[in-house]
Amino acid sequence: QKLPTIPEGCRRWFPPADFFIFQMSGTWLTYGPLLIVIGIDLFCTKTQVMYEPGDYGQYVRGGSGDGAWYVWTIRDEAYL
């Protein structure tokens, strides 16, 4: 199945197909996925650092004298 072609009016604005040359070395094949995983880890870290219980239908209440804090989840959708 062929993909649709670009209209002639738009095609004149793009360079010819042989203008684009793509080469990937072994180093990029090795470290490229590692860089992607590091980026994903940074996004997960941002989520944990910026966590606020109220954003997720939760609230925090202190424990009984032991200095502990508990996170409670609100399950009543009408209240949320």
C-alpha atoms as a PDB file:
ATOM      1  CA  GLN A   1       0.000   0.000   0.000  1.00  0.00           C
ATOM      2  CA  LYS A   2       1.477   3.322  -1.080  1.00  0.00           C
ATOM      3  CA  LEU A   3       1.391   6.398   1.078  1.00  0.00           C
ATOM      4  CA  PRO A   4      -0.262   9.502  -0.356  1.00  0.00           C
ATOM      5  CA  THR A   5       2.095  11.884  -2.165  1.00  0.00           C
ATOM      6  CA  ILE A   6       2.720  15.492  -1.232  1.00  0.00           C
ATOM      7  CA  PRO A   7       0.771  17.953  -3.422  1.00  0.00           C
ATOM      8  CA  GLU A   8       2.796  19.600  -6.183  1.00  0.00           C
ATOM      9  CA  GLY A   9       2.265  23.076  -4.688  1.00  0.00           C
ATOM     10  CA  CYS A  10       3.927  21.990  -1.434  1.00  0.00           C
ATOM     11  CA  ARG A  11       6.601  19.853  -3.085  1.00  0.00           C
ATOM     12  CA  ARG A  12       8.377  22.839  -4.635  1.00  0.00           C
ATOM     13  CA  TRP A  13       9.050  24.286  -1.164  1.00  0.00           C
ATOM     14  CA  PHE A  14      10.917  21.177   0.037  1.00  0.00           C
ATOM     15  CA  PRO A  15      14.452  20.197  -1.019  1.00  0.00           C
ATOM     16  CA  PRO A  16      14.871  17.029  -3.123  1.00  0.00           C
ATOM     17  CA  ALA A  17      14.958  13.661  -1.365  1.00  0.00           C
ATOM     18  CA  ASP A  18      18.695  13.157  -1.989  1.00  0.00           C
ATOM     19  CA  PHE A  19      19.370  16.323   0.048  1.00  0.00           C
ATOM     20  CA  PHE A  20      18.739  14.392   3.278  1.00  0.00           C
ATOM     21  CA  ILE A  21      21.482  12.012   4.369  1.00  0.00           C
ATOM     22  CA  PHE A  22      21.138  10.105   7.630  1.00  0.00           C
ATOM     23  CA  GLN A  23      23.985   8.162   9.206  1.00  0.00           C
ATOM     24  CA  MET A  24      24.116   6.703  12.695  1.00  0.00           C
ATOM     25  CA  SER A  25      27.348   5.548  14.269  1.00  0.00           C
ATOM     26  CA  GLY A  26      27.718   2.703  16.750  1.00  0.00           C
ATOM     27  CA  THR A  27      28.221   5.197  19.564  1.00  0.00           C
ATOM     28  CA  TRP A  28      24.751   6.668  19.047  1.00  0.00           C
ATOM     29  CA  LEU A  29      23.274   3.175  18.897  1.00  0.00           C
ATOM     30  CA  THR A  30      24.879   2.488  22.273  1.00  0.00           C
ATOM     31  CA  TYR A  31      24.287   5.761  24.109  1.00  0.00           C
ATOM     32  CA  GLY A  32      21.102   6.972  22.378  1.00  0.00           C
ATOM     33  CA  PRO A  33      18.712   4.697  24.307  1.00  0.00           C
ATOM     34  CA  LEU A  34      20.603   5.518  27.508  1.00  0.00           C
ATOM     35  CA  LEU A  35      19.990   9.240  26.977  1.00  0.00           C
ATOM     36  CA  ILE A  36      16.296   8.575  26.359  1.00  0.00           C
ATOM     37  CA  VAL A  37      16.020   6.558  29.596  1.00  0.00           C
ATOM     38  CA  ILE A  38      17.802   9.318  31.536  1.00  0.00           C
ATOM     39  CA  GLY A  39      15.251  11.816  30.170  1.00  0.00           C
ATOM     40  CA  ILE A  40      12.352   9.595  31.233  1.00  0.00           C
ATOM     41  CA  ASP A  41      13.893   9.226  34.705  1.00  0.00           C
ATOM     42  CA  LEU A  42      14.182  13.000  35.013  1.00  0.00           C
ATOM     43  CA  PHE A  43      10.481  13.395  34.167  1.00  0.00           C
ATOM     44  CA  CYS A  44       9.599  10.796  36.835  1.00  0.00           C
ATOM     45  CA  THR A  45      11.798  12.607  39.358  1.00  0.00           C
ATOM     46  CA  LYS A  46      10.049  15.880  38.547  1.00  0.00           C
ATOM     47  CA  THR A  47       6.701  14.231  39.246  1.00  0.00           C
ATOM     48  CA  GLN A  48       7.870  12.972  42.629  1.00  0.00           C
ATOM     49  CA  VAL A  49       9.459  16.277  43.645  1.00  0.00           C
ATOM     50  CA  MET A  50       6.447  18.369  42.608  1.00  0.00           C
ATOM     51  CA  TYR A  51       3.919  15.982  44.260  1.00  0.00           C
ATOM     52  CA  GLU A  52       1.040  17.652  46.089  1.00  0.00           C
ATOM     53  CA  PRO A  53      -1.592  15.343  47.650  1.00  0.00           C
ATOM     54  CA  GLY A  54      -4.442  17.742  46.806  1.00  0.00           C
ATOM     55  CA  ASP A  55      -3.718  17.344  43.075  1.00  0.00           C
ATOM     56  CA  TYR A  56      -4.538  13.640  43.345  1.00  0.00           C
ATOM     57  CA  GLY A  57      -7.616  13.703  45.618  1.00  0.00           C
ATOM     58  CA  GLN A  58      -5.603  13.103  48.781  1.00  0.00           C
ATOM     59  CA  TYR A  59      -4.938  14.945  52.018  1.00  0.00           C
ATOM     60  CA  VAL A  60      -2.355  14.709  54.799  1.00  0.00           C
ATOM     61  CA  ARG A  61      -3.097  14.400  58.491  1.00  0.00           C
ATOM     62  CA  GLY A  62      -0.644  14.012  61.362  1.00  0.00           C
ATOM     63  CA  GLY A  63      -0.514  10.861  63.431  1.00  0.00           C
ATOM     64  CA  SER A  64      -1.240  10.507  67.125  1.00  0.00           C
ATOM     65  CA  GLY A  65       1.796  11.984  68.874  1.00  0.00           C
ATOM     66  CA  ASP A  66       4.414   9.844  67.166  1.00  0.00           C
ATOM     67  CA  GLY A  67       5.231  12.521  64.604  1.00  0.00           C
ATOM     68  CA  ALA A  68       4.007  10.339  61.744  1.00  0.00           C
ATOM     69  CA  TRP A  69       2.039  11.789  58.873  1.00  0.00           C
ATOM     70  CA  TYR A  70      -0.515   9.816  56.912  1.00  0.00           C
ATOM     71  CA  VAL A  71      -1.778  10.370  53.386  1.00  0.00           C
ATOM     72  CA  TRP A  72      -5.504   9.729  53.015  1.00  0.00           C
ATOM     73  CA  THR A  73      -7.217   9.195  49.670  1.00  0.00           C
ATOM     74  CA  ILE A  74     -10.667  10.637  48.991  1.00  0.00           C
ATOM     75  CA  ARG A  75     -12.710   7.996  47.151  1.00  0.00           C
ATOM     76  CA  ASP A  76     -16.025   9.841  46.953  1.00  0.00           C
ATOM     77  CA  GLU A  77     -16.147  11.142  43.374  1.00  0.00           C
ATOM     78  CA  ALA A  78     -19.004  13.530  44.181  1.00  0.00           C
ATOM     79  CA  TYR A  79     -16.793  15.230  46.797  1.00  0.00           C
ATOM     80  CA  LEU A  80     -13.878  15.540  44.402  1.00  0.00           C
END
